[in-house]
Amino acid sequence: MPDEQEITKGHYLINEGEEPGGMYFVIEGQFEATMKKGDGEIVIGKISKGELVGEMSFLDEEPRCASVRAISDSVVKVIPENRFKEFFNNQPSWYQALVKTLLERLRRANKRVKI
């Protein structure tokens, strides 16, 4: 079973540009995803209980494309890269959560695209 990690409000779980090392499942709390823009950052989304975090870089092995900061005291389960297949084979509901998360984020991105 993955390890749990507590994240204090205001602390970062993921930093934009860092190499992937795992994926996270939010058990408690809420996060916001941000991207650097000029000298600041913009909020691109919120992540809540029952959602996955860090799935894109985890799956495509590219550097993290956004930072993820806790906006409340939070708890996540850490899914290490080397235990991914074993874990998801034993936890089909989490695999479904991964697919649902990816599809929801793709739909939101598609709505923002102006043709």
PDB file of N, CA and C in Angstrom:
ATOM      1  N   MET A   1       0.841  -1.177   0.000  1.00  0.00           N
ATOM      2  CA  MET A   1       0.000   0.000   0.000  1.00  0.00           C
ATOM      3  C   MET A   1       0.893   1.249   0.000  1.00  0.00           C
ATOM      4  N   PRO A   2       0.500   2.286  -0.709  1.00  0.00           N
ATOM      5  CA  PRO A   2       1.308   3.504  -0.733  1.00  0.00           C
ATOM      6  C   PRO A   2       1.372   4.166   0.641  1.00  0.00           C
ATOM      7  N   ASP A   3       2.415   4.965   0.830  1.00  0.00           N
ATOM      8  CA  ASP A   3       2.586   5.707   2.077  1.00  0.00           C
ATOM      9  C   ASP A   3       1.753   6.979   2.051  1.00  0.00           C
ATOM     10  N   GLU A   4       1.310   7.409   3.222  1.00  0.00           N
ATOM     11  CA  GLU A   4       0.594   8.673   3.342  1.00  0.00           C
ATOM     12  C   GLU A   4       1.589   9.778   3.662  1.00  0.00           C
ATOM     13  N   GLN A   5       1.279  10.972   3.154  1.00  0.00           N
ATOM     14  CA  GLN A   5       2.122  12.136   3.396  1.00  0.00           C
ATOM     15  C   GLN A   5       1.218  13.307   3.773  1.00  0.00           C
ATOM     16  N   GLU A   6       1.567  14.003   4.849  1.00  0.00           N
ATOM     17  CA  GLU A   6       0.810  15.186   5.268  1.00  0.00           C
ATOM     18  C   GLU A   6       1.463  16.421   4.664  1.00  0.00           C
ATOM     19  N   ILE A   7       0.635  17.315   4.122  1.00  0.00           N
ATOM     20  CA  ILE A   7       1.114  18.553   3.524  1.00  0.00           C
ATOM     21  C   ILE A   7       0.425  19.711   4.250  1.00  0.00           C
ATOM     22  N   THR A   8       1.200  20.589   4.839  1.00  0.00           N
ATOM     23  CA  THR A   8       0.666  21.737   5.569  1.00  0.00           C
ATOM     24  C   THR A   8       0.225  22.821   4.593  1.00  0.00           C
ATOM     25  N   LYS A   9      -0.853  23.504   4.930  1.00  0.00           N
ATOM     26  CA  LYS A   9      -1.365  24.609   4.111  1.00  0.00           C
ATOM     27  C   LYS A   9      -0.217  25.546   3.725  1.00  0.00           C
ATOM     28  N   GLY A  10      -0.162  25.871   2.428  1.00  0.00           N
ATOM     29  CA  GLY A  10       0.866  26.776   1.919  1.00  0.00           C
ATOM     30  C   GLY A  10       2.105  26.091   1.391  1.00  0.00           C
ATOM     31  N   HIS A  11       2.303  24.823   1.721  1.00  0.00           N
ATOM     32  CA  HIS A  11       3.472  24.089   1.239  1.00  0.00           C
ATOM     33  C   HIS A  11       3.187  23.440  -0.117  1.00  0.00           C
ATOM     34  N   TYR A  12       4.264  23.244  -0.870  1.00  0.00           N
ATOM     35  CA  TYR A  12       4.154  22.659  -2.204  1.00  0.00           C
ATOM     36  C   TYR A  12       4.323  21.145  -2.156  1.00  0.00           C
ATOM     37  N   LEU A  13       3.466  20.467  -2.885  1.00  0.00           N
ATOM     38  CA  LEU A  13       3.581  19.024  -3.092  1.00  0.00           C
ATOM     39  C   LEU A  13       4.450  18.763  -4.312  1.00  0.00           C
ATOM     40  N   ILE A  14       4.275  19.583  -5.347  1.00  0.00           N
ATOM     41  CA  ILE A  14       4.980  19.453  -6.624  1.00  0.00           C
ATOM     42  C   ILE A  14       5.451  20.841  -7.040  1.00  0.00           C
ATOM     43  N   ASN A  15       6.657  20.901  -7.623  1.00  0.00           N
ATOM     44  CA  ASN A  15       7.185  22.158  -8.141  1.00  0.00           C
ATOM     45  C   ASN A  15       7.361  22.072  -9.654  1.00  0.00           C
ATOM     46  N   GLU A  16       6.880  23.093 -10.342  1.00  0.00           N
ATOM     47  CA  GLU A  16       6.986  23.162 -11.798  1.00  0.00           C
ATOM     48  C   GLU A  16       8.440  22.970 -12.222  1.00  0.00           C
ATOM     49  N   GLY A  17       8.655  22.116 -13.236  1.00  0.00           N
ATOM     50  CA  GLY A  17       9.982  21.886 -13.785  1.00  0.00           C
ATOM     51  C   GLY A  17      10.743  20.727 -13.177  1.00  0.00           C
ATOM     52  N   GLU A  18      10.314  20.225 -12.009  1.00  0.00           N
ATOM     53  CA  GLU A  18      11.044  19.119 -11.391  1.00  0.00           C
ATOM     54  C   GLU A  18      10.714  17.804 -12.098  1.00  0.00           C
ATOM     55  N   GLU A  19      11.600  16.856 -11.936  1.00  0.00           N
ATOM     56  CA  GLU A  19      11.408  15.535 -12.544  1.00  0.00           C
ATOM     57  C   GLU A  19      10.338  14.761 -11.776  1.00  0.00           C
ATOM     58  N   PRO A  20       9.557  13.948 -12.494  1.00  0.00           N
ATOM     59  CA  PRO A  20       8.520  13.162 -11.812  1.00  0.00           C
ATOM     60  C   PRO A  20       9.143  12.073 -10.946  1.00  0.00           C
ATOM     61  N   GLY A  21       8.467  11.748  -9.867  1.00  0.00           N
ATOM     62  CA  GLY A  21       8.950  10.686  -9.009  1.00  0.00           C
ATOM     63  C   GLY A  21       7.807   9.858  -8.462  1.00  0.00           C
ATOM     64  N   GLY A  22       6.621  10.336  -8.664  1.00  0.00           N
ATOM     65  CA  GLY A  22       5.453   9.631  -8.161  1.00  0.00           C
ATOM     66  C   GLY A  22       4.193  10.390  -8.504  1.00  0.00           C
ATOM     67  N   MET A  23       3.102   9.785  -8.138  1.00  0.00           N
ATOM     68  CA  MET A  23       1.781  10.368  -8.337  1.00  0.00           C
ATOM     69  C   MET A  23       1.121  10.352  -6.964  1.00  0.00           C
ATOM     70  N   TYR A  24       0.122  11.191  -6.774  1.00  0.00           N
ATOM     71  CA  TYR A  24      -0.492  11.332  -5.461  1.00  0.00           C
ATOM     72  C   TYR A  24      -2.012  11.239  -5.559  1.00  0.00           C
ATOM     73  N   PHE A  25      -2.615  10.630  -4.553  1.00  0.00           N
ATOM     74  CA  PHE A  25      -4.069  10.535  -4.442  1.00  0.00           C
ATOM     75  C   PHE A  25      -4.466  11.340  -3.211  1.00  0.00           C
ATOM     76  N   VAL A  26      -5.342  12.329  -3.399  1.00  0.00           N
ATOM     77  CA  VAL A  26      -5.722  13.221  -2.299  1.00  0.00           C
ATOM     78  C   VAL A  26      -6.744  12.528  -1.398  1.00  0.00           C
ATOM     79  N   ILE A  27      -6.376  12.345  -0.137  1.00  0.00           N
ATOM     80  CA  ILE A  27      -7.254  11.725   0.852  1.00  0.00           C
ATOM     81  C   ILE A  27      -8.038  12.794   1.606  1.00  0.00           C
ATOM     82  N   GLU A  28      -7.358  13.883   1.952  1.00  0.00           N
ATOM     83  CA  GLU A  28      -7.982  15.001   2.669  1.00  0.00           C
ATOM     84  C   GLU A  28      -7.390  16.292   2.156  1.00  0.00           C
ATOM     85  N   GLY A  29      -8.203  17.350   2.174  1.00  0.00           N
ATOM     86  CA  GLY A  29      -7.689  18.673   1.858  1.00  0.00           C
ATOM     87  C   GLY A  29      -7.924  19.094   0.423  1.00  0.00           C
ATOM     88  N   GLN A  30      -7.276  20.212   0.080  1.00  0.00           N
ATOM     89  CA  GLN A  30      -7.433  20.773  -1.256  1.00  0.00           C
ATOM     90  C   GLN A  30      -6.126  21.441  -1.672  1.00  0.00           C
ATOM     91  N   PHE A  31      -5.870  21.391  -2.967  1.00  0.00           N
ATOM     92  CA  PHE A  31      -4.666  21.966  -3.554  1.00  0.00           C
ATOM     93  C   PHE A  31      -5.057  22.881  -4.704  1.00  0.00           C
ATOM     94  N   GLU A  32      -4.116  23.761  -5.093  1.00  0.00           N
ATOM     95  CA  GLU A  32      -4.292  24.508  -6.325  1.00  0.00           C
ATOM     96  C   GLU A  32      -3.058  24.280  -7.187  1.00  0.00           C
ATOM     97  N   ALA A  33      -3.302  24.131  -8.487  1.00  0.00           N
ATOM     98  CA  ALA A  33      -2.229  23.974  -9.460  1.00  0.00           C
ATOM     99  C   ALA A  33      -1.934  25.347 -10.037  1.00  0.00           C
ATOM    100  N   THR A  34      -0.648  25.699 -10.105  1.00  0.00           N
ATOM    101  CA  THR A  34      -0.247  27.001 -10.621  1.00  0.00           C
ATOM    102  C   THR A  34       0.854  26.840 -11.659  1.00  0.00           C
ATOM    103  N   MET A  35       0.936  27.821 -12.549  1.00  0.00           N
ATOM    104  CA  MET A  35       2.014  27.873 -13.533  1.00  0.00           C
ATOM    105  C   MET A  35       2.665  29.245 -13.452  1.00  0.00           C
ATOM    106  N   LYS A  36       3.976  29.271 -13.710  1.00  0.00           N
ATOM    107  CA  LYS A  36       4.701  30.536 -13.717  1.00  0.00           C
ATOM    108  C   LYS A  36       4.253  31.370 -14.911  1.00  0.00           C
ATOM    109  N   LYS A  37       4.099  32.667 -14.669  1.00  0.00           N
ATOM    110  CA  LYS A  37       3.782  33.609 -15.744  1.00  0.00           C
ATOM    111  C   LYS A  37       4.474  34.917 -15.402  1.00  0.00           C
ATOM    112  N   GLY A  38       5.509  35.250 -16.175  1.00  0.00           N
ATOM    113  CA  GLY A  38       6.298  36.440 -15.868  1.00  0.00           C
ATOM    114  C   GLY A  38       6.958  36.283 -14.515  1.00  0.00           C
ATOM    115  N   ASP A  39       6.777  37.295 -13.668  1.00  0.00           N
ATOM    116  CA  ASP A  39       7.352  37.246 -12.322  1.00  0.00           C
ATOM    117  C   ASP A  39       6.410  36.613 -11.309  1.00  0.00           C
ATOM    118  N   GLY A  40       5.217  36.229 -11.748  1.00  0.00           N
ATOM    119  CA  GLY A  40       4.229  35.668 -10.828  1.00  0.00           C
ATOM    120  C   GLY A  40       3.794  34.281 -11.242  1.00  0.00           C
ATOM    121  N   GLU A  41       2.592  33.952 -10.829  1.00  0.00           N
ATOM    122  CA  GLU A  41       2.021  32.656 -11.180  1.00  0.00           C
ATOM    123  C   GLU A  41       0.518  32.810 -11.343  1.00  0.00           C
ATOM    124  N   ILE A  42      -0.071  31.912 -12.123  1.00  0.00           N
ATOM    125  CA  ILE A  42      -1.516  31.911 -12.308  1.00  0.00           C
ATOM    126  C   ILE A  42      -2.068  30.570 -11.844  1.00  0.00           C
ATOM    127  N   VAL A  43      -3.246  30.599 -11.273  1.00  0.00           N
ATOM    128  CA  VAL A  43      -3.911  29.374 -10.828  1.00  0.00           C
ATOM    129  C   VAL A  43      -4.604  28.762 -12.037  1.00  0.00           C
ATOM    130  N   ILE A  44      -4.301  27.500 -12.307  1.00  0.00           N
ATOM    131  CA  ILE A  44      -4.903  26.827 -13.462  1.00  0.00           C
ATOM    132  C   ILE A  44      -5.921  25.769 -13.065  1.00  0.00           C
ATOM    133  N   GLY A  45      -6.018  25.476 -11.775  1.00  0.00           N
ATOM    134  CA  GLY A  45      -7.005  24.490 -11.352  1.00  0.00           C
ATOM    135  C   GLY A  45      -6.937  24.189  -9.872  1.00  0.00           C
ATOM    136  N   LYS A  46      -7.969  23.518  -9.408  1.00  0.00           N
ATOM    137  CA  LYS A  46      -8.057  23.076  -8.007  1.00  0.00           C
ATOM    138  C   LYS A  46      -8.128  21.553  -7.996  1.00  0.00           C
ATOM    139  N   ILE A  47      -7.547  20.957  -6.984  1.00  0.00           N
ATOM    140  CA  ILE A  47      -7.543  19.504  -6.822  1.00  0.00           C
ATOM    141  C   ILE A  47      -8.086  19.208  -5.430  1.00  0.00           C
ATOM    142  N   SER A  48      -9.058  18.319  -5.352  1.00  0.00           N
ATOM    143  CA  SER A  48      -9.737  18.034  -4.087  1.00  0.00           C
ATOM    144  C   SER A  48      -9.663  16.554  -3.730  1.00  0.00           C
ATOM    145  N   LYS A  49     -10.231  16.238  -2.582  1.00  0.00           N
ATOM    146  CA  LYS A  49     -10.313  14.868  -2.075  1.00  0.00           C
ATOM    147  C   LYS A  49     -10.830  13.936  -3.168  1.00  0.00           C
ATOM    148  N   GLY A  50     -10.151  12.785  -3.321  1.00  0.00           N
ATOM    149  CA  GLY A  50     -10.567  11.789  -4.297  1.00  0.00           C
ATOM    150  C   GLY A  50      -9.952  11.961  -5.670  1.00  0.00           C
ATOM    151  N   GLU A  51      -9.133  13.008  -5.852  1.00  0.00           N
ATOM    152  CA  GLU A  51      -8.506  13.243  -7.154  1.00  0.00           C
ATOM    153  C   GLU A  51      -7.031  12.883  -7.111  1.00  0.00           C
ATOM    154  N   LEU A  52      -6.481  12.662  -8.290  1.00  0.00           N
ATOM    155  CA  LEU A  52      -5.064  12.367  -8.435  1.00  0.00           C
ATOM    156  C   LEU A  52      -4.306  13.638  -8.773  1.00  0.00           C
ATOM    157  N   VAL A  53      -3.044  13.680  -8.386  1.00  0.00           N
ATOM    158  CA  VAL A  53      -2.165  14.815  -8.647  1.00  0.00           C
ATOM    159  C   VAL A  53      -0.858  14.284  -9.210  1.00  0.00           C
ATOM    160  N   GLY A  54      -0.341  14.963 -10.231  1.00  0.00           N
ATOM    161  CA  GLY A  54       0.953  14.590 -10.787  1.00  0.00           C
ATOM    162  C   GLY A  54       0.896  13.476 -11.802  1.00  0.00           C
ATOM    163  N   GLU A  55      -0.303  13.195 -12.292  1.00  0.00           N
ATOM    164  CA  GLU A  55      -0.471  12.051 -13.198  1.00  0.00           C
ATOM    165  C   GLU A  55       0.155  12.270 -14.566  1.00  0.00           C
ATOM    166  N   MET A  56       0.158  13.503 -15.071  1.00  0.00           N
ATOM    167  CA  MET A  56       0.672  13.735 -16.424  1.00  0.00           C
ATOM    168  C   MET A  56       2.165  13.424 -16.503  1.00  0.00           C
ATOM    169  N   SER A  57       2.966  14.045 -15.650  1.00  0.00           N
ATOM    170  CA  SER A  57       4.409  13.800 -15.664  1.00  0.00           C
ATOM    171  C   SER A  57       4.737  12.371 -15.270  1.00  0.00           C
ATOM    172  N   PHE A  58       3.930  11.827 -14.403  1.00  0.00           N
ATOM    173  CA  PHE A  58       4.124  10.444 -13.979  1.00  0.00           C
ATOM    174  C   PHE A  58       4.000   9.505 -15.174  1.00  0.00           C
ATOM    175  N   LEU A  59       3.007   9.756 -16.028  1.00  0.00           N
ATOM    176  CA  LEU A  59       2.747   8.863 -17.156  1.00  0.00           C
ATOM    177  C   LEU A  59       3.644   9.134 -18.354  1.00  0.00           C
ATOM    178  N   ASP A  60       3.955  10.419 -18.645  1.00  0.00           N
ATOM    179  CA  ASP A  60       4.765  10.693 -19.836  1.00  0.00           C
ATOM    180  C   ASP A  60       6.241  10.928 -19.523  1.00  0.00           C
ATOM    181  N   GLU A  61       6.608  10.884 -18.244  1.00  0.00           N
ATOM    182  CA  GLU A  61       7.992  11.000 -17.781  1.00  0.00           C
ATOM    183  C   GLU A  61       8.650  12.313 -18.182  1.00  0.00           C
ATOM    184  N   GLU A  62       7.854  13.360 -18.367  1.00  0.00           N
ATOM    185  CA  GLU A  62       8.353  14.704 -18.659  1.00  0.00           C
ATOM    186  C   GLU A  62       8.397  15.492 -17.348  1.00  0.00           C
ATOM    187  N   PRO A  63       9.202  16.572 -17.299  1.00  0.00           N
ATOM    188  CA  PRO A  63       9.221  17.392 -16.080  1.00  0.00           C
ATOM    189  C   PRO A  63       7.830  17.925 -15.741  1.00  0.00           C
ATOM    190  N   ARG A  64       7.615  18.214 -14.480  1.00  0.00           N
ATOM    191  CA  ARG A  64       6.326  18.725 -14.011  1.00  0.00           C
ATOM    192  C   ARG A  64       5.994  20.030 -14.736  1.00  0.00           C
ATOM    193  N   CYS A  65       4.757  20.133 -15.248  1.00  0.00           N
ATOM    194  CA  CYS A  65       4.353  21.315 -16.018  1.00  0.00           C
ATOM    195  C   CYS A  65       3.675  22.365 -15.149  1.00  0.00           C
ATOM    196  N   ALA A  66       3.442  22.072 -13.884  1.00  0.00           N
ATOM    197  CA  ALA A  66       2.800  23.020 -12.972  1.00  0.00           C
ATOM    198  C   ALA A  66       3.246  22.704 -11.548  1.00  0.00           C
ATOM    199  N   SER A  67       3.071  23.688 -10.680  1.00  0.00           N
ATOM    200  CA  SER A  67       3.298  23.481  -9.251  1.00  0.00           C
ATOM    201  C   SER A  67       1.961  23.182  -8.593  1.00  0.00           C
ATOM    202  N   VAL A  68       2.003  22.456  -7.482  1.00  0.00           N
ATOM    203  CA  VAL A  68       0.782  22.120  -6.750  1.00  0.00           C
ATOM    204  C   VAL A  68       1.014  22.467  -5.280  1.00  0.00           C
ATOM    205  N   ARG A  69       0.183  23.412  -4.785  1.00  0.00           N
ATOM    206  CA  ARG A  69       0.321  23.923  -3.418  1.00  0.00           C
ATOM    207  C   ARG A  69      -0.927  23.598  -2.610  1.00  0.00           C
ATOM    208  N   ALA A  70      -0.736  23.194  -1.368  1.00  0.00           N
ATOM    209  CA  ALA A  70      -1.869  22.916  -0.476  1.00  0.00           C
ATOM    210  C   ALA A  70      -2.534  24.232  -0.084  1.00  0.00           C
ATOM    211  N   ILE A  71      -3.864  24.308  -0.246  1.00  0.00           N
ATOM    212  CA  ILE A  71      -4.596  25.493   0.209  1.00  0.00           C
ATOM    213  C   ILE A  71      -5.358  25.191   1.502  1.00  0.00           C
ATOM    214  N   SER A  72      -5.156  23.983   2.007  1.00  0.00           N
ATOM    215  CA  SER A  72      -5.604  23.603   3.344  1.00  0.00           C
ATOM    216  C   SER A  72      -4.665  22.490   3.805  1.00  0.00           C
ATOM    217  N   ASP A  73      -4.624  22.228   5.095  1.00  0.00           N
ATOM    218  CA  ASP A  73      -3.847  21.079   5.553  1.00  0.00           C
ATOM    219  C   ASP A  73      -4.400  19.853   4.844  1.00  0.00           C
ATOM    220  N   SER A  74      -3.514  19.035   4.295  1.00  0.00           N
ATOM    221  CA  SER A  74      -3.944  17.946   3.415  1.00  0.00           C
ATOM    222  C   SER A  74      -3.174  16.668   3.692  1.00  0.00           C
ATOM    223  N   VAL A  75      -3.743  15.563   3.218  1.00  0.00           N
ATOM    224  CA  VAL A  75      -3.098  14.254   3.294  1.00  0.00           C
ATOM    225  C   VAL A  75      -3.220  13.608   1.925  1.00  0.00           C
ATOM    226  N   VAL A  76      -2.103  13.054   1.425  1.00  0.00           N
ATOM    227  CA  VAL A  76      -2.104  12.345   0.144  1.00  0.00           C
ATOM    228  C   VAL A  76      -1.499  10.966   0.331  1.00  0.00           C
ATOM    229  N   LYS A  77      -1.870  10.059  -0.547  1.00  0.00           N
ATOM    230  CA  LYS A  77      -1.177   8.771  -0.645  1.00  0.00           C
ATOM    231  C   LYS A  77      -0.175   8.912  -1.776  1.00  0.00           C
ATOM    232  N   VAL A  78       1.058   8.507  -1.527  1.00  0.00           N
ATOM    233  CA  VAL A  78       2.125   8.579  -2.515  1.00  0.00           C
ATOM    234  C   VAL A  78       2.154   7.268  -3.287  1.00  0.00           C
ATOM    235  N   ILE A  79       2.061   7.372  -4.610  1.00  0.00           N
ATOM    236  CA  ILE A  79       2.129   6.188  -5.466  1.00  0.00           C
ATOM    237  C   ILE A  79       3.467   6.247  -6.198  1.00  0.00           C
ATOM    238  N   PRO A  80       4.487   5.514  -5.715  1.00  0.00           N
ATOM    239  CA  PRO A  80       5.802   5.560  -6.343  1.00  0.00           C
ATOM    240  C   PRO A  80       5.778   4.923  -7.732  1.00  0.00           C
ATOM    241  N   GLU A  81       6.632   5.455  -8.586  1.00  0.00           N
ATOM    242  CA  GLU A  81       6.711   4.977  -9.963  1.00  0.00           C
ATOM    243  C   GLU A  81       6.932   3.467 -10.037  1.00  0.00           C
ATOM    244  N   ASN A  82       7.822   2.953  -9.202  1.00  0.00           N
ATOM    245  CA  ASN A  82       8.176   1.536  -9.288  1.00  0.00           C
ATOM    246  C   ASN A  82       7.079   0.596  -8.789  1.00  0.00           C
ATOM    247  N   ARG A  83       6.037   1.136  -8.130  1.00  0.00           N
ATOM    248  CA  ARG A  83       4.957   0.269  -7.642  1.00  0.00           C
ATOM    249  C   ARG A  83       3.637   0.529  -8.358  1.00  0.00           C
ATOM    250  N   PHE A  84       3.676   1.344  -9.407  1.00  0.00           N
ATOM    251  CA  PHE A  84       2.461   1.759 -10.107  1.00  0.00           C
ATOM    252  C   PHE A  84       1.636   0.585 -10.620  1.00  0.00           C
ATOM    253  N   LYS A  85       2.234  -0.278 -11.428  1.00  0.00           N
ATOM    254  CA  LYS A  85       1.473  -1.382 -12.031  1.00  0.00           C
ATOM    255  C   LYS A  85       0.895  -2.308 -10.970  1.00  0.00           C
ATOM    256  N   GLU A  86       1.712  -2.684 -10.019  1.00  0.00           N
ATOM    257  CA  GLU A  86       1.250  -3.577  -8.950  1.00  0.00           C
ATOM    258  C   GLU A  86       0.093  -2.932  -8.180  1.00  0.00           C
ATOM    259  N   PHE A  87       0.264  -1.665  -7.847  1.00  0.00           N
ATOM    260  CA  PHE A  87      -0.748  -0.973  -7.064  1.00  0.00           C
ATOM    261  C   PHE A  87      -2.059  -0.864  -7.822  1.00  0.00           C
ATOM    262  N   PHE A  88      -2.014  -0.421  -9.070  1.00  0.00           N
ATOM    263  CA  PHE A  88      -3.247  -0.222  -9.819  1.00  0.00           C
ATOM    264  C   PHE A  88      -3.917  -1.539 -10.208  1.00  0.00           C
ATOM    265  N   ASN A  89      -3.154  -2.603 -10.344  1.00  0.00           N
ATOM    266  CA  ASN A  89      -3.770  -3.910 -10.582  1.00  0.00           C
ATOM    267  C   ASN A  89      -4.568  -4.363  -9.361  1.00  0.00           C
ATOM    268  N   ASN A  90      -4.122  -3.959  -8.178  1.00  0.00           N
ATOM    269  CA  ASN A  90      -4.808  -4.340  -6.941  1.00  0.00           C
ATOM    270  C   ASN A  90      -5.855  -3.324  -6.496  1.00  0.00           C
ATOM    271  N   GLN A  91      -5.893  -2.155  -7.133  1.00  0.00           N
ATOM    272  CA  GLN A  91      -6.820  -1.084  -6.755  1.00  0.00           C
ATOM    273  C   GLN A  91      -7.544  -0.553  -8.000  1.00  0.00           C
ATOM    274  N   PRO A  92      -8.420  -1.339  -8.613  1.00  0.00           N
ATOM    275  CA  PRO A  92      -9.064  -0.886  -9.850  1.00  0.00           C
ATOM    276  C   PRO A  92      -9.851   0.406  -9.697  1.00  0.00           C
ATOM    277  N   SER A  93     -10.357   0.702  -8.513  1.00  0.00           N
ATOM    278  CA  SER A  93     -11.100   1.957  -8.338  1.00  0.00           C
ATOM    279  C   SER A  93     -10.171   3.159  -8.498  1.00  0.00           C
ATOM    280  N   TRP A  94      -8.907   3.023  -8.145  1.00  0.00           N
ATOM    281  CA  TRP A  94      -7.963   4.128  -8.315  1.00  0.00           C
ATOM    282  C   TRP A  94      -7.587   4.277  -9.785  1.00  0.00           C
ATOM    283  N   TYR A  95      -7.522   3.173 -10.495  1.00  0.00           N
ATOM    284  CA  TYR A  95      -7.269   3.245 -11.939  1.00  0.00           C
ATOM    285  C   TYR A  95      -8.414   3.995 -12.606  1.00  0.00           C
ATOM    286  N   GLN A  96      -9.635   3.719 -12.191  1.00  0.00           N
ATOM    287  CA  GLN A  96     -10.795   4.440 -12.724  1.00  0.00           C
ATOM    288  C   GLN A  96     -10.702   5.918 -12.371  1.00  0.00           C
ATOM    289  N   ALA A  97     -10.232   6.241 -11.178  1.00  0.00           N
ATOM    290  CA  ALA A  97     -10.064   7.646 -10.781  1.00  0.00           C
ATOM    291  C   ALA A  97      -9.028   8.333 -11.664  1.00  0.00           C
ATOM    292  N   LEU A  98      -7.973   7.622 -12.038  1.00  0.00           N
ATOM    293  CA  LEU A  98      -6.954   8.176 -12.929  1.00  0.00           C
ATOM    294  C   LEU A  98      -7.555   8.518 -14.281  1.00  0.00           C
ATOM    295  N   VAL A  99      -8.278   7.585 -14.865  1.00  0.00           N
ATOM    296  CA  VAL A  99      -8.899   7.817 -16.171  1.00  0.00           C
ATOM    297  C   VAL A  99      -9.888   8.976 -16.084  1.00  0.00           C
ATOM    298  N   LYS A 100     -10.700   9.003 -15.052  1.00  0.00           N
ATOM    299  CA  LYS A 100     -11.682  10.077 -14.873  1.00  0.00           C
ATOM    300  C   LYS A 100     -10.985  11.429 -14.747  1.00  0.00           C
ATOM    301  N   THR A 101      -9.911  11.487 -13.965  1.00  0.00           N
ATOM    302  CA  THR A 101      -9.161  12.730 -13.793  1.00  0.00           C
ATOM    303  C   THR A 101      -8.602  13.218 -15.115  1.00  0.00           C
ATOM    304  N   LEU A 102      -7.991  12.323 -15.875  1.00  0.00           N
ATOM    305  CA  LEU A 102      -7.418  12.710 -17.167  1.00  0.00           C
ATOM    306  C   LEU A 102      -8.484  13.225 -18.120  1.00  0.00           C
ATOM    307  N   LEU A 103      -9.615  12.553 -18.175  1.00  0.00           N
ATOM    308  CA  LEU A 103     -10.690  12.978 -19.075  1.00  0.00           C
ATOM    309  C   LEU A 103     -11.285  14.317 -18.658  1.00  0.00           C
ATOM    310  N   GLU A 104     -11.492  14.525 -17.366  1.00  0.00           N
ATOM    311  CA  GLU A 104     -12.043  15.803 -16.896  1.00  0.00           C
ATOM    312  C   GLU A 104     -11.102  16.953 -17.216  1.00  0.00           C
ATOM    313  N   ARG A 105      -9.814  16.744 -17.030  1.00  0.00           N
ATOM    314  CA  ARG A 105      -8.851  17.816 -17.308  1.00  0.00           C
ATOM    315  C   ARG A 105      -8.743  18.080 -18.805  1.00  0.00           C
ATOM    316  N   LEU A 106      -8.866  17.052 -19.609  1.00  0.00           N
ATOM    317  CA  LEU A 106      -8.862  17.238 -21.060  1.00  0.00           C
ATOM    318  C   LEU A 106     -10.096  18.014 -21.499  1.00  0.00           C
ATOM    319  N   ARG A 107     -11.243  17.688 -20.952  1.00  0.00           N
ATOM    320  CA  ARG A 107     -12.474  18.417 -21.293  1.00  0.00           C
ATOM    321  C   ARG A 107     -12.372  19.890 -20.904  1.00  0.00           C
ATOM    322  N   ARG A 108     -11.846  20.171 -19.712  1.00  0.00           N
ATOM    323  CA  ARG A 108     -11.684  21.567 -19.282  1.00  0.00           C
ATOM    324  C   ARG A 108     -10.728  22.317 -20.203  1.00  0.00           C
ATOM    325  N   ALA A 109      -9.652  21.654 -20.605  1.00  0.00           N
ATOM    326  CA  ALA A 109      -8.692  22.293 -21.512  1.00  0.00           C
ATOM    327  C   ALA A 109      -9.338  22.559 -22.867  1.00  0.00           C
ATOM    328  N   ASN A 110     -10.117  21.621 -23.356  1.00  0.00           N
ATOM    329  CA  ASN A 110     -10.793  21.801 -24.644  1.00  0.00           C
ATOM    330  C   ASN A 110     -11.759  22.976 -24.605  1.00  0.00           C
ATOM    331  N   LYS A 111     -12.429  23.184 -23.485  1.00  0.00           N
ATOM    332  CA  LYS A 111     -13.367  24.307 -23.363  1.00  0.00           C
ATOM    333  C   LYS A 111     -12.645  25.648 -23.396  1.00  0.00           C
ATOM    334  N   ARG A 112     -11.399  25.674 -22.941  1.00  0.00           N
ATOM    335  CA  ARG A 112     -10.639  26.926 -22.916  1.00  0.00           C
ATOM    336  C   ARG A 112     -10.038  27.276 -24.270  1.00  0.00           C
ATOM    337  N   VAL A 113      -9.934  26.288 -25.161  1.00  0.00           N
ATOM    338  CA  VAL A 113      -9.322  26.521 -26.470  1.00  0.00           C
ATOM    339  C   VAL A 113     -10.285  27.307 -27.350  1.00  0.00           C
ATOM    340  N   LYS A 114      -9.785  28.399 -27.918  1.00  0.00           N
ATOM    341  CA  LYS A 114     -10.590  29.220 -28.831  1.00  0.00           C
ATOM    342  C   LYS A 114     -10.182  28.875 -30.262  1.00  0.00           C
ATOM    343  N   ILE A 115     -11.167  28.555 -31.084  1.00  0.00           N
ATOM    344  CA  ILE A 115     -10.865  28.203 -32.485  1.00  0.00           C
ATOM    345  C   ILE A 115     -11.109  29.407 -33.357  1.00  0.00           C
TER     346      ILE A 115
END
